[in-house]
């Protein structure tokens, strides 16, 4: 998790306005504030998590990203961060459109359902895999849309969304993703991290 936070921090420029969508208990926000000079806000659906964030001195509002992002003005942030949450939305396309409307750029991280361990587990055991990155059984998972790194590339290409940077995270190793290595990165990477913007 900390490695993901470090990568996100490196993608954000100093003195930026940042919105962390689905900020949870504020761990990423706190990490960003400790490592960058930024103005950051959070949006979180869980009342308990909002209270945890506020107790840490973080600026967070309670809201459902799927409905409440529309309240933010166009280009009100330099970066909008969506960390490992995209797969939990009912309408992922609308959420991405909103991220790119209210932010000049968006950083989206996704657990990679195309990872070889997931494929092998399903092939051999015939059950949905439970991993460190995806620690849920099929019946209690918040994940509605299983997505791989390759899926996200195709999604952006079809919608004319520019992938400014794309990175793969596997354990502690970070590497770049491009069209020439997309197949192998989709197979061996646990997490995809994308810096995207409208073309």
C-alpha atoms as a PDB file:
ATOM      1  CA  UNK A   1       0.000   0.000   0.000  1.00  0.00           C
ATOM      2  CA  UNK A   2       2.781   2.431   0.922  1.00  0.00           C
ATOM      3  CA  UNK A   3       4.482   1.807  -2.421  1.00  0.00           C
ATOM      4  CA  UNK A   4       1.245   2.776  -4.178  1.00  0.00           C
ATOM      5  CA  UNK A   5       1.086   5.948  -2.064  1.00  0.00           C
ATOM      6  CA  UNK A   6       4.687   6.792  -3.005  1.00  0.00           C
ATOM      7  CA  UNK A   7       3.934   6.420  -6.736  1.00  0.00           C
ATOM      8  CA  UNK A   8       0.808   8.596  -6.437  1.00  0.00           C
ATOM      9  CA  UNK A   9       2.817  11.233  -4.558  1.00  0.00           C
ATOM     10  CA  UNK A  10       5.446  11.318  -7.303  1.00  0.00           C
ATOM     11  CA  UNK A  11       2.763  11.858  -9.967  1.00  0.00           C
ATOM     12  CA  UNK A  12       1.398  14.972  -8.208  1.00  0.00           C
ATOM     13  CA  UNK A  13       3.160  18.313  -8.633  1.00  0.00           C
ATOM     14  CA  UNK A  14       3.924  20.598  -5.694  1.00  0.00           C
ATOM     15  CA  UNK A  15       1.352  23.254  -4.740  1.00  0.00           C
ATOM     16  CA  UNK A  16      -1.477  21.378  -6.445  1.00  0.00           C
ATOM     17  CA  UNK A  17      -5.144  21.229  -5.461  1.00  0.00           C
ATOM     18  CA  UNK A  18      -6.058  17.567  -4.937  1.00  0.00           C
ATOM     19  CA  UNK A  19      -9.293  15.690  -4.293  1.00  0.00           C
ATOM     20  CA  UNK A  20      -9.078  12.134  -2.929  1.00  0.00           C
ATOM     21  CA  UNK A  21     -12.319  10.376  -3.913  1.00  0.00           C
ATOM     22  CA  UNK A  22     -13.254   7.492  -1.641  1.00  0.00           C
ATOM     23  CA  UNK A  23     -10.511   8.525   0.765  1.00  0.00           C
ATOM     24  CA  UNK A  24     -11.337   5.863   3.369  1.00  0.00           C
ATOM     25  CA  UNK A  25      -9.749   6.601   6.734  1.00  0.00           C
ATOM     26  CA  UNK A  26      -7.427   9.215   5.217  1.00  0.00           C
ATOM     27  CA  UNK A  27      -4.164   7.245   5.076  1.00  0.00           C
ATOM     28  CA  UNK A  28      -3.357   8.379   1.522  1.00  0.00           C
ATOM     29  CA  UNK A  29      -4.291  11.996   2.291  1.00  0.00           C
ATOM     30  CA  UNK A  30      -2.046  11.985   5.350  1.00  0.00           C
ATOM     31  CA  UNK A  31       0.828  10.452   3.350  1.00  0.00           C
ATOM     32  CA  UNK A  32       0.435  13.085   0.622  1.00  0.00           C
ATOM     33  CA  UNK A  33       0.403  15.930   3.141  1.00  0.00           C
ATOM     34  CA  UNK A  34       3.566  14.578   4.795  1.00  0.00           C
ATOM     35  CA  UNK A  35       5.410  14.302   1.482  1.00  0.00           C
ATOM     36  CA  UNK A  36       4.109  17.142  -0.727  1.00  0.00           C
ATOM     37  CA  UNK A  37       3.083  20.758  -0.330  1.00  0.00           C
ATOM     38  CA  UNK A  38      -0.498  20.483  -1.551  1.00  0.00           C
ATOM     39  CA  UNK A  39      -4.046  21.549  -0.757  1.00  0.00           C
ATOM     40  CA  UNK A  40      -6.007  18.305  -0.385  1.00  0.00           C
ATOM     41  CA  UNK A  41      -9.649  17.476   0.284  1.00  0.00           C
ATOM     42  CA  UNK A  42     -11.368  14.117   0.620  1.00  0.00           C
ATOM     43  CA  UNK A  43     -14.769  12.712  -0.306  1.00  0.00           C
ATOM     44  CA  UNK A  44     -15.918   9.606   1.578  1.00  0.00           C
ATOM     45  CA  UNK A  45     -19.213   7.712   1.796  1.00  0.00           C
ATOM     46  CA  UNK A  46     -18.645   6.098   5.222  1.00  0.00           C
ATOM     47  CA  UNK A  47     -19.642   8.275   8.180  1.00  0.00           C
ATOM     48  CA  UNK A  48     -17.189   6.376  10.418  1.00  0.00           C
ATOM     49  CA  UNK A  49     -14.289   6.969   7.996  1.00  0.00           C
ATOM     50  CA  UNK A  50     -15.224  10.664   7.710  1.00  0.00           C
ATOM     51  CA  UNK A  51     -15.074  10.956  11.503  1.00  0.00           C
ATOM     52  CA  UNK A  52     -11.679   9.182  11.540  1.00  0.00           C
ATOM     53  CA  UNK A  53     -10.367  11.626   8.924  1.00  0.00           C
ATOM     54  CA  UNK A  54     -11.676  14.660  10.792  1.00  0.00           C
ATOM     55  CA  UNK A  55     -10.066  13.414  14.026  1.00  0.00           C
ATOM     56  CA  UNK A  56      -6.738  13.372  12.121  1.00  0.00           C
ATOM     57  CA  UNK A  57      -7.265  17.002  11.085  1.00  0.00           C
ATOM     58  CA  UNK A  58      -8.024  16.141   7.448  1.00  0.00           C
ATOM     59  CA  UNK A  59     -10.492  18.126   5.324  1.00  0.00           C
ATOM     60  CA  UNK A  60     -13.097  15.537   4.333  1.00  0.00           C
ATOM     61  CA  UNK A  61     -16.767  15.721   3.417  1.00  0.00           C
ATOM     62  CA  UNK A  62     -19.273  12.902   3.531  1.00  0.00           C
ATOM     63  CA  UNK A  63     -20.694  12.037   0.148  1.00  0.00           C
ATOM     64  CA  UNK A  64     -21.347   9.366  -2.439  1.00  0.00           C
ATOM     65  CA  UNK A  65     -18.906   9.862  -5.307  1.00  0.00           C
ATOM     66  CA  UNK A  66     -21.312   8.284  -7.766  1.00  0.00           C
ATOM     67  CA  UNK A  67     -23.865  11.056  -7.132  1.00  0.00           C
ATOM     68  CA  UNK A  68     -22.017  13.922  -5.448  1.00  0.00           C
ATOM     69  CA  UNK A  69     -19.087  14.594  -7.793  1.00  0.00           C
ATOM     70  CA  UNK A  70     -21.529  16.557  -9.948  1.00  0.00           C
ATOM     71  CA  UNK A  71     -21.599  19.234  -7.205  1.00  0.00           C
ATOM     72  CA  UNK A  72     -17.969  20.220  -7.886  1.00  0.00           C
ATOM     73  CA  UNK A  73     -17.263  22.927 -10.506  1.00  0.00           C
ATOM     74  CA  UNK A  74     -15.278  22.178 -13.682  1.00  0.00           C
ATOM     75  CA  UNK A  75     -11.485  22.162 -13.193  1.00  0.00           C
ATOM     76  CA  UNK A  76     -11.776  22.816  -9.462  1.00  0.00           C
ATOM     77  CA  UNK A  77      -8.760  20.566  -8.785  1.00  0.00           C
ATOM     78  CA  UNK A  78      -5.407  19.927 -10.445  1.00  0.00           C
ATOM     79  CA  UNK A  79      -5.598  16.211  -9.614  1.00  0.00           C
ATOM     80  CA  UNK A  80      -8.419  13.907  -8.606  1.00  0.00           C
ATOM     81  CA  UNK A  81      -7.279  10.617  -7.070  1.00  0.00           C
ATOM     82  CA  UNK A  82      -9.310   7.404  -7.139  1.00  0.00           C
ATOM     83  CA  UNK A  83      -7.314   4.699  -5.363  1.00  0.00           C
ATOM     84  CA  UNK A  84      -8.556   1.101  -5.770  1.00  0.00           C
ATOM     85  CA  UNK A  85     -12.202   2.179  -5.806  1.00  0.00           C
ATOM     86  CA  UNK A  86     -13.220   2.252  -9.482  1.00  0.00           C
ATOM     87  CA  UNK A  87     -14.316  -1.375  -9.485  1.00  0.00           C
ATOM     88  CA  UNK A  88     -16.839  -0.686  -6.684  1.00  0.00           C
ATOM     89  CA  UNK A  89     -18.972   1.820  -8.634  1.00  0.00           C
ATOM     90  CA  UNK A  90     -22.179   0.952 -10.463  1.00  0.00           C
ATOM     91  CA  UNK A  91     -21.453   3.389 -13.310  1.00  0.00           C
ATOM     92  CA  UNK A  92     -17.683   3.504 -13.752  1.00  0.00           C
ATOM     93  CA  UNK A  93     -17.849   5.508 -16.985  1.00  0.00           C
ATOM     94  CA  UNK A  94     -19.818   8.323 -15.362  1.00  0.00           C
ATOM     95  CA  UNK A  95     -17.365   8.434 -12.443  1.00  0.00           C
ATOM     96  CA  UNK A  96     -14.347   8.661 -14.782  1.00  0.00           C
ATOM     97  CA  UNK A  97     -16.067  11.429 -16.765  1.00  0.00           C
ATOM     98  CA  UNK A  98     -16.696  13.334 -13.541  1.00  0.00           C
ATOM     99  CA  UNK A  99     -13.083  12.914 -12.395  1.00  0.00           C
ATOM    100  CA  UNK A 100     -11.854  14.376 -15.677  1.00  0.00           C
ATOM    101  CA  UNK A 101     -14.386  17.198 -15.550  1.00  0.00           C
ATOM    102  CA  UNK A 102     -13.514  18.424 -12.052  1.00  0.00           C
ATOM    103  CA  UNK A 103      -9.793  17.695 -12.283  1.00  0.00           C
ATOM    104  CA  UNK A 104      -7.255  18.707 -14.911  1.00  0.00           C
ATOM    105  CA  UNK A 105      -5.840  15.193 -14.482  1.00  0.00           C
ATOM    106  CA  UNK A 106      -6.948  12.078 -12.652  1.00  0.00           C
ATOM    107  CA  UNK A 107      -4.914   9.349 -10.998  1.00  0.00           C
ATOM    108  CA  UNK A 108      -6.709   6.013 -11.026  1.00  0.00           C
ATOM    109  CA  UNK A 109      -5.319   2.868  -9.417  1.00  0.00           C
ATOM    110  CA  UNK A 110      -6.925  -0.514  -9.991  1.00  0.00           C
ATOM    111  CA  UNK A 111      -6.305  -3.986  -8.612  1.00  0.00           C
ATOM    112  CA  UNK A 112      -5.428  -6.117 -11.631  1.00  0.00           C
ATOM    113  CA  UNK A 113      -7.896  -8.963 -12.065  1.00  0.00           C
ATOM    114  CA  UNK A 114      -5.726 -10.168 -14.975  1.00  0.00           C
ATOM    115  CA  UNK A 115      -2.802 -11.110 -12.688  1.00  0.00           C
ATOM    116  CA  UNK A 116      -1.519 -14.653 -13.274  1.00  0.00           C
ATOM    117  CA  UNK A 117      -2.278 -15.772  -9.692  1.00  0.00           C
ATOM    118  CA  UNK A 118      -5.933 -14.812 -10.142  1.00  0.00           C
ATOM    119  CA  UNK A 119      -6.125 -16.650 -13.463  1.00  0.00           C
ATOM    120  CA  UNK A 120      -4.406 -19.752 -12.078  1.00  0.00           C
ATOM    121  CA  UNK A 121      -6.545 -19.843  -8.931  1.00  0.00           C
ATOM    122  CA  UNK A 122      -9.738 -19.692 -10.979  1.00  0.00           C
ATOM    123  CA  UNK A 123      -8.436 -22.293 -13.448  1.00  0.00           C
ATOM    124  CA  UNK A 124      -7.271 -24.829 -10.851  1.00  0.00           C
ATOM    125  CA  UNK A 125      -9.655 -24.317  -7.946  1.00  0.00           C
ATOM    126  CA  UNK A 126     -12.655 -23.057  -9.874  1.00  0.00           C
ATOM    127  CA  UNK A 127     -13.449 -20.446  -7.215  1.00  0.00           C
ATOM    128  CA  UNK A 128     -13.022 -16.680  -7.119  1.00  0.00           C
ATOM    129  CA  UNK A 129      -9.544 -15.863  -5.775  1.00  0.00           C
ATOM    130  CA  UNK A 130      -8.921 -14.130  -2.443  1.00  0.00           C
ATOM    131  CA  UNK A 131      -5.581 -12.293  -2.376  1.00  0.00           C
ATOM    132  CA  UNK A 132      -3.748  -9.651  -0.361  1.00  0.00           C
ATOM    133  CA  UNK A 133      -4.812  -6.982  -2.881  1.00  0.00           C
ATOM    134  CA  UNK A 134      -8.377  -8.391  -3.122  1.00  0.00           C
ATOM    135  CA  UNK A 135      -9.100  -9.840   0.337  1.00  0.00           C
ATOM    136  CA  UNK A 136     -12.814 -10.598  -0.156  1.00  0.00           C
ATOM    137  CA  UNK A 137     -14.911 -13.658  -0.825  1.00  0.00           C
ATOM    138  CA  UNK A 138     -17.213 -13.451  -3.859  1.00  0.00           C
ATOM    139  CA  UNK A 139     -20.303 -12.887  -1.696  1.00  0.00           C
ATOM    140  CA  UNK A 140     -19.009  -9.992   0.420  1.00  0.00           C
ATOM    141  CA  UNK A 141     -16.833  -8.138  -2.051  1.00  0.00           C
ATOM    142  CA  UNK A 142     -17.463  -4.450  -2.765  1.00  0.00           C
ATOM    143  CA  UNK A 143     -16.121  -5.061  -6.285  1.00  0.00           C
ATOM    144  CA  UNK A 144     -18.879  -4.902  -8.895  1.00  0.00           C
ATOM    145  CA  UNK A 145     -16.763  -4.593 -12.047  1.00  0.00           C
ATOM    146  CA  UNK A 146     -13.710  -6.823 -12.301  1.00  0.00           C
ATOM    147  CA  UNK A 147     -11.125  -4.977 -14.389  1.00  0.00           C
ATOM    148  CA  UNK A 148      -7.641  -5.798 -15.631  1.00  0.00           C
ATOM    149  CA  UNK A 149      -4.875  -3.419 -16.665  1.00  0.00           C
ATOM    150  CA  UNK A 150      -5.597  -4.329 -20.294  1.00  0.00           C
ATOM    151  CA  UNK A 151      -9.328  -3.630 -19.788  1.00  0.00           C
ATOM    152  CA  UNK A 152      -8.521  -0.139 -18.512  1.00  0.00           C
ATOM    153  CA  UNK A 153      -6.239   0.573 -21.484  1.00  0.00           C
ATOM    154  CA  UNK A 154      -9.016  -0.450 -23.893  1.00  0.00           C
ATOM    155  CA  UNK A 155     -11.597   1.565 -21.912  1.00  0.00           C
ATOM    156  CA  UNK A 156      -9.502   4.748 -22.224  1.00  0.00           C
ATOM    157  CA  UNK A 157      -8.706   4.161 -25.905  1.00  0.00           C
ATOM    158  CA  UNK A 158     -12.383   3.745 -26.835  1.00  0.00           C
ATOM    159  CA  UNK A 159     -13.364   6.930 -24.974  1.00  0.00           C
ATOM    160  CA  UNK A 160     -10.552   9.119 -26.274  1.00  0.00           C
ATOM    161  CA  UNK A 161      -9.011   9.465 -22.803  1.00  0.00           C
ATOM    162  CA  UNK A 162      -5.281  10.128 -22.840  1.00  0.00           C
ATOM    163  CA  UNK A 163      -3.159   7.910 -20.592  1.00  0.00           C
ATOM    164  CA  UNK A 164      -0.400  10.352 -19.699  1.00  0.00           C
ATOM    165  CA  UNK A 165       1.496   7.811 -17.567  1.00  0.00           C
ATOM    166  CA  UNK A 166       0.803   4.173 -16.804  1.00  0.00           C
ATOM    167  CA  UNK A 167       2.659   2.186 -14.189  1.00  0.00           C
ATOM    168  CA  UNK A 168       2.535  -1.394 -12.963  1.00  0.00           C
ATOM    169  CA  UNK A 169       3.129  -2.348  -9.355  1.00  0.00           C
ATOM    170  CA  UNK A 170       4.139  -5.883  -8.424  1.00  0.00           C
ATOM    171  CA  UNK A 171       5.153  -6.319  -4.778  1.00  0.00           C
ATOM    172  CA  UNK A 172       7.736  -3.527  -4.414  1.00  0.00           C
ATOM    173  CA  UNK A 173       8.658  -3.271  -8.104  1.00  0.00           C
ATOM    174  CA  UNK A 174       7.377  -0.387 -10.233  1.00  0.00           C
ATOM    175  CA  UNK A 175       7.582  -0.435 -14.023  1.00  0.00           C
ATOM    176  CA  UNK A 176       6.113   1.444 -16.965  1.00  0.00           C
ATOM    177  CA  UNK A 177       3.307   0.037 -19.100  1.00  0.00           C
ATOM    178  CA  UNK A 178       2.966   0.735 -22.814  1.00  0.00           C
ATOM    179  CA  UNK A 179       1.356  -0.997 -25.777  1.00  0.00           C
ATOM    180  CA  UNK A 180       4.494  -3.040 -26.461  1.00  0.00           C
ATOM    181  CA  UNK A 181       4.497  -4.698 -23.016  1.00  0.00           C
ATOM    182  CA  UNK A 182       0.786  -4.494 -22.135  1.00  0.00           C
ATOM    183  CA  UNK A 183       0.228  -8.267 -22.384  1.00  0.00           C
ATOM    184  CA  UNK A 184       3.029  -9.209 -19.996  1.00  0.00           C
ATOM    185  CA  UNK A 185       2.299  -6.375 -17.531  1.00  0.00           C
ATOM    186  CA  UNK A 186      -1.349  -7.457 -17.473  1.00  0.00           C
ATOM    187  CA  UNK A 187      -0.149 -10.950 -16.545  1.00  0.00           C
ATOM    188  CA  UNK A 188       2.454 -10.172 -13.861  1.00  0.00           C
ATOM    189  CA  UNK A 189       1.258  -6.951 -12.182  1.00  0.00           C
ATOM    190  CA  UNK A 190      -0.922  -6.765  -9.083  1.00  0.00           C
ATOM    191  CA  UNK A 191      -1.872  -3.108  -9.448  1.00  0.00           C
ATOM    192  CA  UNK A 192      -2.184  -0.611 -12.305  1.00  0.00           C
ATOM    193  CA  UNK A 193      -1.632   3.113 -11.690  1.00  0.00           C
ATOM    194  CA  UNK A 194      -2.811   5.527 -14.401  1.00  0.00           C
ATOM    195  CA  UNK A 195      -2.428   9.278 -14.808  1.00  0.00           C
ATOM    196  CA  UNK A 196      -5.145  10.246 -17.256  1.00  0.00           C
ATOM    197  CA  UNK A 197      -6.563  13.392 -18.859  1.00  0.00           C
ATOM    198  CA  UNK A 198      -8.997  14.384 -21.580  1.00  0.00           C
ATOM    199  CA  UNK A 199      -7.456  14.568 -25.074  1.00  0.00           C
END
